[in-house]
């Protein structure tokens, strides 16, 4: 596709062709935000992702136009395009920095768990791997639950490279969070860190199992054997 065709308008025109009314409710149920404005267009996410890949080289100003949309699938398309750019080996470090900055500056438009999970690994985590990570600790202390989720989910890029410190430190900040989707994220990424260092996860659980939310505990211990899971769930009942 020629660069001149990689516009927000062209993306929207192609997306509308994929609309199916029966998909509207199915798609809407995934949105857990409460902005009172977001609505579903009625496009399967698989179709959104495939279309986003066609528009991988979309310029950032056009991506930002998509981020302004009130339609769930349009914003998912925007963050997916950003993700495809960030993960591409052909993308320059300058562009990766721009993607990182766009994600953070327009986090208000990434106001659901799946926007974060779709984009933060490559756009934030991979970018920060060889850089200071102070921003993640700022996000972890944010009033915005989706920014807090970005803080923990981004560390998956570090986990994949056996760098676990930030995952455990950020999990410690978020361990008593009041939002269920933060609880689930903390548990999930503790579990992933535990695949790399099970003993370190056990030490973390020895300290926090009795007080952390039950859902966090259940997610964190999923890969342990039955006896170990039973042990920690018993601690969590105290």
Foldseek 3Di string as FASTA:
>chain_A
DDQVCLALVNLVVVQLVQADPVQQVVVVVQFPFDPVQAGERHHDLVVLLVSLVVNLVHDPVRLVVQLPDSYPSSVLSSLSSLQSLLPDPPRDLVVLVVSLVVCVVSVVSVQGLVSLLNHLQRSPQVNCVVHDDVCLVVLCPDPRVSSVLSSQNNCVNVLVVVNCVSNLVSCVSCQAPPDVSSLQSNLQSLLSSCVSPVVVSVVSLVVPLCPGDPNSLCSNCVPPDPVVSVVSVVSNVD
